[in-house]
Amino acid sequence: MFEYLLQVPANRIGYQVALAGQLKILQEVISLTVFIPFSMIILKEPFRTDFIWAGLCLLGAVFFMFKDKILG
């Protein structure tokens, strides 16, 4: 619910300044940022190194989708 409340207005506002692919990558980052702590705290799943690797892959995706804005 909380994540949905952030994503819908962000996508409507964000589409004026970002491409659809960029917004989708941000949506996935937000989803996993919310889901990983939820799965560890509420669902009592143990922390795994897969979470780190997935996070690094997402950082790479964010970099490549936004490299024009990051590098100038």
PDB file of N, CA and C in Angstrom:
ATOM      1  N   MET A   1       0.827  -1.190   0.000  1.00  0.00           N
ATOM      2  CA  MET A   1       0.000   0.000   0.000  1.00  0.00           C
ATOM      3  C   MET A   1       0.872   1.255   0.000  1.00  0.00           C
ATOM      4  N   PHE A   2       1.842   1.313   0.926  1.00  0.00           N
ATOM      5  CA  PHE A   2       2.698   2.495   1.015  1.00  0.00           C
ATOM      6  C   PHE A   2       3.488   2.697  -0.277  1.00  0.00           C
ATOM      7  N   GLU A   3       4.002   1.606  -0.796  1.00  0.00           N
ATOM      8  CA  GLU A   3       4.797   1.688  -2.019  1.00  0.00           C
ATOM      9  C   GLU A   3       3.927   2.149  -3.187  1.00  0.00           C
ATOM     10  N   TYR A   4       2.684   1.686  -3.246  1.00  0.00           N
ATOM     11  CA  TYR A   4       1.761   2.083  -4.317  1.00  0.00           C
ATOM     12  C   TYR A   4       1.455   3.570  -4.226  1.00  0.00           C
ATOM     13  N   LEU A   5       1.301   4.080  -3.014  1.00  0.00           N
ATOM     14  CA  LEU A   5       1.022   5.503  -2.831  1.00  0.00           C
ATOM     15  C   LEU A   5       2.178   6.373  -3.320  1.00  0.00           C
ATOM     16  N   LEU A   6       3.388   5.837  -3.289  1.00  0.00           N
ATOM     17  CA  LEU A   6       4.538   6.575  -3.809  1.00  0.00           C
ATOM     18  C   LEU A   6       4.663   6.455  -5.326  1.00  0.00           C
ATOM     19  N   GLN A   7       4.361   5.294  -5.854  1.00  0.00           N
ATOM     20  CA  GLN A   7       4.627   5.027  -7.262  1.00  0.00           C
ATOM     21  C   GLN A   7       3.664   5.729  -8.207  1.00  0.00           C
ATOM     22  N   VAL A   8       2.383   5.718  -7.921  1.00  0.00           N
ATOM     23  CA  VAL A   8       1.423   6.270  -8.870  1.00  0.00           C
ATOM     24  C   VAL A   8       1.633   7.768  -9.084  1.00  0.00           C
ATOM     25  N   PRO A   9       1.688   8.587  -8.034  1.00  0.00           N
ATOM     26  CA  PRO A   9       1.941  10.015  -8.288  1.00  0.00           C
ATOM     27  C   PRO A   9       3.324  10.262  -8.886  1.00  0.00           C
ATOM     28  N   ALA A  10       4.298   9.466  -8.468  1.00  0.00           N
ATOM     29  CA  ALA A  10       5.648   9.644  -8.999  1.00  0.00           C
ATOM     30  C   ALA A  10       5.680   9.352 -10.490  1.00  0.00           C
ATOM     31  N   ASN A  11       4.965   8.331 -10.929  1.00  0.00           N
ATOM     32  CA  ASN A  11       4.931   8.007 -12.352  1.00  0.00           C
ATOM     33  C   ASN A  11       4.203   9.077 -13.153  1.00  0.00           C
ATOM     34  N   ARG A  12       3.142   9.622 -12.612  1.00  0.00           N
ATOM     35  CA  ARG A  12       2.406  10.674 -13.330  1.00  0.00           C
ATOM     36  C   ARG A  12       3.240  11.950 -13.439  1.00  0.00           C
ATOM     37  N   ILE A  13       3.867  12.311 -12.367  1.00  0.00           N
ATOM     38  CA  ILE A  13       4.712  13.516 -12.372  1.00  0.00           C
ATOM     39  C   ILE A  13       6.004  13.238 -13.116  1.00  0.00           C
ATOM     40  N   GLY A  14       6.582  12.081 -12.861  1.00  0.00           N
ATOM     41  CA  GLY A  14       7.883  11.748 -13.424  1.00  0.00           C
ATOM     42  C   GLY A  14       7.894  11.601 -14.925  1.00  0.00           C
ATOM     43  N   TYR A  15       6.776  11.209 -15.529  1.00  0.00           N
ATOM     44  CA  TYR A  15       6.752  10.999 -16.975  1.00  0.00           C
ATOM     45  C   TYR A  15       6.984  12.306 -17.740  1.00  0.00           C
ATOM     46  N   GLN A  16       6.847  13.418 -17.057  1.00  0.00           N
ATOM     47  CA  GLN A  16       7.118  14.713 -17.696  1.00  0.00           C
ATOM     48  C   GLN A  16       8.615  14.961 -17.824  1.00  0.00           C
ATOM     49  N   VAL A  17       9.427  14.312 -16.989  1.00  0.00           N
ATOM     50  CA  VAL A  17      10.872  14.564 -17.000  1.00  0.00           C
ATOM     51  C   VAL A  17      11.721  13.321 -17.254  1.00  0.00           C
ATOM     52  N   ALA A  18      11.111  12.135 -17.234  1.00  0.00           N
ATOM     53  CA  ALA A  18      11.869  10.901 -17.426  1.00  0.00           C
ATOM     54  C   ALA A  18      11.159  10.013 -18.442  1.00  0.00           C
ATOM     55  N   LEU A  19      11.919   9.097 -19.010  1.00  0.00           N
ATOM     56  CA  LEU A  19      11.360   8.140 -19.960  1.00  0.00           C
ATOM     57  C   LEU A  19      10.638   7.019 -19.218  1.00  0.00           C
ATOM     58  N   ALA A  20       9.784   6.310 -19.923  1.00  0.00           N
ATOM     59  CA  ALA A  20       9.028   5.220 -19.306  1.00  0.00           C
ATOM     60  C   ALA A  20       9.964   4.141 -18.754  1.00  0.00           C
ATOM     61  N   GLY A  21      11.028   3.820 -19.472  1.00  0.00           N
ATOM     62  CA  GLY A  21      11.984   2.823 -18.995  1.00  0.00           C
ATOM     63  C   GLY A  21      12.671   3.250 -17.710  1.00  0.00           C
ATOM     64  N   GLN A  22      13.003   4.517 -17.615  1.00  0.00           N
ATOM     65  CA  GLN A  22      13.625   5.039 -16.399  1.00  0.00           C
ATOM     66  C   GLN A  22      12.670   4.934 -15.216  1.00  0.00           C
ATOM     67  N   LEU A  23      11.407   5.253 -15.457  1.00  0.00           N
ATOM     68  CA  LEU A  23      10.425   5.161 -14.379  1.00  0.00           C
ATOM     69  C   LEU A  23      10.214   3.720 -13.937  1.00  0.00           C
ATOM     70  N   LYS A  24      10.269   2.781 -14.881  1.00  0.00           N
ATOM     71  CA  LYS A  24      10.102   1.370 -14.533  1.00  0.00           C
ATOM     72  C   LYS A  24      11.253   0.882 -13.665  1.00  0.00           C
ATOM     73  N   ILE A  25      12.465   1.283 -13.989  1.00  0.00           N
ATOM     74  CA  ILE A  25      13.622   0.911 -13.164  1.00  0.00           C
ATOM     75  C   ILE A  25      13.462   1.481 -11.753  1.00  0.00           C
ATOM     76  N   LEU A  26      13.042   2.734 -11.647  1.00  0.00           N
ATOM     77  CA  LEU A  26      12.820   3.325 -10.328  1.00  0.00           C
ATOM     78  C   LEU A  26      11.723   2.583  -9.570  1.00  0.00           C
ATOM     79  N   GLN A  27      10.689   2.162 -10.268  1.00  0.00           N
ATOM     80  CA  GLN A  27       9.611   1.406  -9.631  1.00  0.00           C
ATOM     81  C   GLN A  27      10.149   0.105  -9.042  1.00  0.00           C
ATOM     82  N   GLU A  28      10.999  -0.579  -9.774  1.00  0.00           N
ATOM     83  CA  GLU A  28      11.569  -1.834  -9.279  1.00  0.00           C
ATOM     84  C   GLU A  28      12.474  -1.595  -8.077  1.00  0.00           C
ATOM     85  N   VAL A  29      13.242  -0.523  -8.104  1.00  0.00           N
ATOM     86  CA  VAL A  29      14.110  -0.185  -6.966  1.00  0.00           C
ATOM     87  C   VAL A  29      13.265   0.083  -5.724  1.00  0.00           C
ATOM     88  N   ILE A  30      12.189   0.851  -5.891  1.00  0.00           N
ATOM     89  CA  ILE A  30      11.305   1.138  -4.757  1.00  0.00           C
ATOM     90  C   ILE A  30      10.676  -0.146  -4.237  1.00  0.00           C
ATOM     91  N   SER A  31      10.203  -0.994  -5.155  1.00  0.00           N
ATOM     92  CA  SER A  31       9.557  -2.255  -4.746  1.00  0.00           C
ATOM     93  C   SER A  31      10.494  -3.129  -3.923  1.00  0.00           C
ATOM     94  N   LEU A  32      11.723  -3.310  -4.395  1.00  0.00           N
ATOM     95  CA  LEU A  32      12.658  -4.171  -3.664  1.00  0.00           C
ATOM     96  C   LEU A  32      13.171  -3.520  -2.394  1.00  0.00           C
ATOM     97  N   THR A  33      13.262  -2.200  -2.385  1.00  0.00           N
ATOM     98  CA  THR A  33      13.668  -1.495  -1.165  1.00  0.00           C
ATOM     99  C   THR A  33      12.643  -1.703  -0.064  1.00  0.00           C
ATOM    100  N   VAL A  34      11.376  -1.781  -0.441  1.00  0.00           N
ATOM    101  CA  VAL A  34      10.315  -2.021   0.539  1.00  0.00           C
ATOM    102  C   VAL A  34      10.199  -3.513   0.865  1.00  0.00           C
ATOM    103  N   PHE A  35      10.311  -4.374  -0.160  1.00  0.00           N
ATOM    104  CA  PHE A  35      10.036  -5.799   0.040  1.00  0.00           C
ATOM    105  C   PHE A  35      11.122  -6.520   0.833  1.00  0.00           C
ATOM    106  N   ILE A  36      12.373  -6.185   0.625  1.00  0.00           N
ATOM    107  CA  ILE A  36      13.436  -6.905   1.330  1.00  0.00           C
ATOM    108  C   ILE A  36      13.332  -6.726   2.846  1.00  0.00           C
ATOM    109  N   PRO A  37      13.227  -5.488   3.369  1.00  0.00           N
ATOM    110  CA  PRO A  37      13.036  -5.379   4.827  1.00  0.00           C
ATOM    111  C   PRO A  37      11.729  -6.040   5.303  1.00  0.00           C
ATOM    112  N   PHE A  38      10.668  -5.937   4.494  1.00  0.00           N
ATOM    113  CA  PHE A  38       9.409  -6.581   4.855  1.00  0.00           C
ATOM    114  C   PHE A  38       9.586  -8.087   4.987  1.00  0.00           C
ATOM    115  N   SER A  39      10.274  -8.684   4.025  1.00  0.00           N
ATOM    116  CA  SER A  39      10.451 -10.140   4.074  1.00  0.00           C
ATOM    117  C   SER A  39      11.334 -10.560   5.246  1.00  0.00           C
ATOM    118  N   MET A  40      12.281  -9.713   5.618  1.00  0.00           N
ATOM    119  CA  MET A  40      13.149 -10.059   6.743  1.00  0.00           C
ATOM    120  C   MET A  40      12.453  -9.835   8.086  1.00  0.00           C
ATOM    121  N   ILE A  41      11.699  -8.748   8.211  1.00  0.00           N
ATOM    122  CA  ILE A  41      11.088  -8.403   9.505  1.00  0.00           C
ATOM    123  C   ILE A  41       9.769  -9.145   9.713  1.00  0.00           C
ATOM    124  N   ILE A  42       8.887  -9.067   8.753  1.00  0.00           N
ATOM    125  CA  ILE A  42       7.553  -9.643   8.913  1.00  0.00           C
ATOM    126  C   ILE A  42       7.542 -11.146   8.602  1.00  0.00           C
ATOM    127  N   LEU A  43       8.160 -11.524   7.496  1.00  0.00           N
ATOM    128  CA  LEU A  43       8.132 -12.927   7.077  1.00  0.00           C
ATOM    129  C   LEU A  43       9.249 -13.760   7.706  1.00  0.00           C
ATOM    130  N   LYS A  44      10.141 -13.103   8.443  1.00  0.00           N
ATOM    131  CA  LYS A  44      11.238 -13.773   9.171  1.00  0.00           C
ATOM    132  C   LYS A  44      12.170 -14.566   8.249  1.00  0.00           C
ATOM    133  N   GLU A  45      12.386 -14.077   7.045  1.00  0.00           N
ATOM    134  CA  GLU A  45      13.341 -14.737   6.156  1.00  0.00           C
ATOM    135  C   GLU A  45      14.744 -14.260   6.501  1.00  0.00           C
ATOM    136  N   PRO A  46      15.722 -15.148   6.435  1.00  0.00           N
ATOM    137  CA  PRO A  46      17.096 -14.750   6.775  1.00  0.00           C
ATOM    138  C   PRO A  46      17.703 -13.875   5.678  1.00  0.00           C
ATOM    139  N   PHE A  47      18.631 -13.029   6.077  1.00  0.00           N
ATOM    140  CA  PHE A  47      19.358 -12.209   5.108  1.00  0.00           C
ATOM    141  C   PHE A  47      20.258 -13.117   4.284  1.00  0.00           C
ATOM    142  N   ARG A  48      20.280 -12.900   2.975  1.00  0.00           N
ATOM    143  CA  ARG A  48      21.121 -13.704   2.092  1.00  0.00           C
ATOM    144  C   ARG A  48      21.963 -12.774   1.229  1.00  0.00           C
ATOM    145  N   THR A  49      23.087 -13.276   0.779  1.00  0.00           N
ATOM    146  CA  THR A  49      23.940 -12.464  -0.089  1.00  0.00           C
ATOM    147  C   THR A  49      23.271 -12.185  -1.429  1.00  0.00           C
ATOM    148  N   ASP A  50      22.249 -12.961  -1.784  1.00  0.00           N
ATOM    149  CA  ASP A  50      21.500 -12.682  -3.011  1.00  0.00           C
ATOM    150  C   ASP A  50      20.913 -11.275  -2.984  1.00  0.00           C
ATOM    151  N   PHE A  51      20.537 -10.800  -1.796  1.00  0.00           N
ATOM    152  CA  PHE A  51      19.984  -9.456  -1.676  1.00  0.00           C
ATOM    153  C   PHE A  51      21.025  -8.412  -2.097  1.00  0.00           C
ATOM    154  N   ILE A  52      22.274  -8.639  -1.715  1.00  0.00           N
ATOM    155  CA  ILE A  52      23.349  -7.711  -2.078  1.00  0.00           C
ATOM    156  C   ILE A  52      23.569  -7.727  -3.583  1.00  0.00           C
ATOM    157  N   TRP A  53      23.635  -8.916  -4.171  1.00  0.00           N
ATOM    158  CA  TRP A  53      23.863  -9.016  -5.615  1.00  0.00           C
ATOM    159  C   TRP A  53      22.709  -8.394  -6.400  1.00  0.00           C
ATOM    160  N   ALA A  54      21.491  -8.633  -5.959  1.00  0.00           N
ATOM    161  CA  ALA A  54      20.331  -8.032  -6.626  1.00  0.00           C
ATOM    162  C   ALA A  54      20.388  -6.515  -6.527  1.00  0.00           C
ATOM    163  N   GLY A  55      20.791  -6.008  -5.361  1.00  0.00           N
ATOM    164  CA  GLY A  55      20.916  -4.559  -5.187  1.00  0.00           C
ATOM    165  C   GLY A  55      21.976  -3.971  -6.093  1.00  0.00           C
ATOM    166  N   LEU A  56      23.089  -4.666  -6.235  1.00  0.00           N
ATOM    167  CA  LEU A  56      24.146  -4.180  -7.132  1.00  0.00           C
ATOM    168  C   LEU A  56      23.695  -4.192  -8.585  1.00  0.00           C
ATOM    169  N   CYS A  57      22.952  -5.213  -8.967  1.00  0.00           N
ATOM    170  CA  CYS A  57      22.409  -5.255 -10.335  1.00  0.00           C
ATOM    171  C   CYS A  57      21.445  -4.091 -10.567  1.00  0.00           C
ATOM    172  N   LEU A  58      20.628  -3.788  -9.562  1.00  0.00           N
ATOM    173  CA  LEU A  58      19.706  -2.664  -9.694  1.00  0.00           C
ATOM    174  C   LEU A  58      20.454  -1.337  -9.773  1.00  0.00           C
ATOM    175  N   LEU A  59      21.520  -1.198  -8.998  1.00  0.00           N
ATOM    176  CA  LEU A  59      22.328   0.025  -9.098  1.00  0.00           C
ATOM    177  C   LEU A  59      22.923   0.167 -10.489  1.00  0.00           C
ATOM    178  N   GLY A  60      23.364  -0.945 -11.063  1.00  0.00           N
ATOM    179  CA  GLY A  60      23.866  -0.917 -12.430  1.00  0.00           C
ATOM    180  C   GLY A  60      22.781  -0.518 -13.413  1.00  0.00           C
ATOM    181  N   ALA A  61      21.578  -1.056 -13.240  1.00  0.00           N
ATOM    182  CA  ALA A  61      20.458  -0.698 -14.115  1.00  0.00           C
ATOM    183  C   ALA A  61      20.123   0.778 -13.995  1.00  0.00           C
ATOM    184  N   VAL A  62      20.121   1.294 -12.775  1.00  0.00           N
ATOM    185  CA  VAL A  62      19.848   2.722 -12.574  1.00  0.00           C
ATOM    186  C   VAL A  62      20.930   3.553 -13.255  1.00  0.00           C
ATOM    187  N   PHE A  63      22.177   3.146 -13.100  1.00  0.00           N
ATOM    188  CA  PHE A  63      23.267   3.902 -13.735  1.00  0.00           C
ATOM    189  C   PHE A  63      23.093   3.960 -15.245  1.00  0.00           C
ATOM    190  N   PHE A  64      22.855   2.805 -15.867  1.00  0.00           N
ATOM    191  CA  PHE A  64      22.767   2.786 -17.320  1.00  0.00           C
ATOM    192  C   PHE A  64      21.517   3.503 -17.840  1.00  0.00           C
ATOM    193  N   MET A  65      20.428   3.446 -17.098  1.00  0.00           N
ATOM    194  CA  MET A  65      19.213   4.147 -17.546  1.00  0.00           C
ATOM    195  C   MET A  65      19.335   5.660 -17.388  1.00  0.00           C
ATOM    196  N   PHE A  66      20.126   6.102 -16.395  1.00  0.00           N
ATOM    197  CA  PHE A  66      20.233   7.529 -16.115  1.00  0.00           C
ATOM    198  C   PHE A  66      21.624   8.088 -16.407  1.00  0.00           C
ATOM    199  N   LYS A  67      22.458   7.374 -17.145  1.00  0.00           N
ATOM    200  CA  LYS A  67      23.842   7.799 -17.331  1.00  0.00           C
ATOM    201  C   LYS A  67      23.944   9.154 -18.032  1.00  0.00           C
ATOM    202  N   ASP A  68      23.014   9.473 -18.920  1.00  0.00           N
ATOM    203  CA  ASP A  68      23.049  10.785 -19.570  1.00  0.00           C
ATOM    204  C   ASP A  68      22.842  11.911 -18.550  1.00  0.00           C
ATOM    205  N   LYS A  69      21.966  11.682 -17.593  1.00  0.00           N
ATOM    206  CA  LYS A  69      21.711  12.692 -16.569  1.00  0.00           C
ATOM    207  C   LYS A  69      22.805  12.701 -15.503  1.00  0.00           C
ATOM    208  N   ILE A  70      23.370  11.521 -15.223  1.00  0.00           N
ATOM    209  CA  ILE A  70      24.425  11.429 -14.203  1.00  0.00           C
ATOM    210  C   ILE A  70      25.727  12.037 -14.697  1.00  0.00           C
ATOM    211  N   LEU A  71      26.106  11.693 -15.920  1.00  0.00           N
ATOM    212  CA  LEU A  71      27.385  12.142 -16.460  1.00  0.00           C
ATOM    213  C   LEU A  71      27.320  13.513 -17.127  1.00  0.00           C
ATOM    214  N   GLY A  72      26.128  14.008 -17.306  1.00  0.00           N
ATOM    215  CA  GLY A  72      25.978  15.359 -17.846  1.00  0.00           C
ATOM    216  C   GLY A  72      25.706  15.415 -19.250  1.00  0.00           C
TER     217      GLY A  72
END
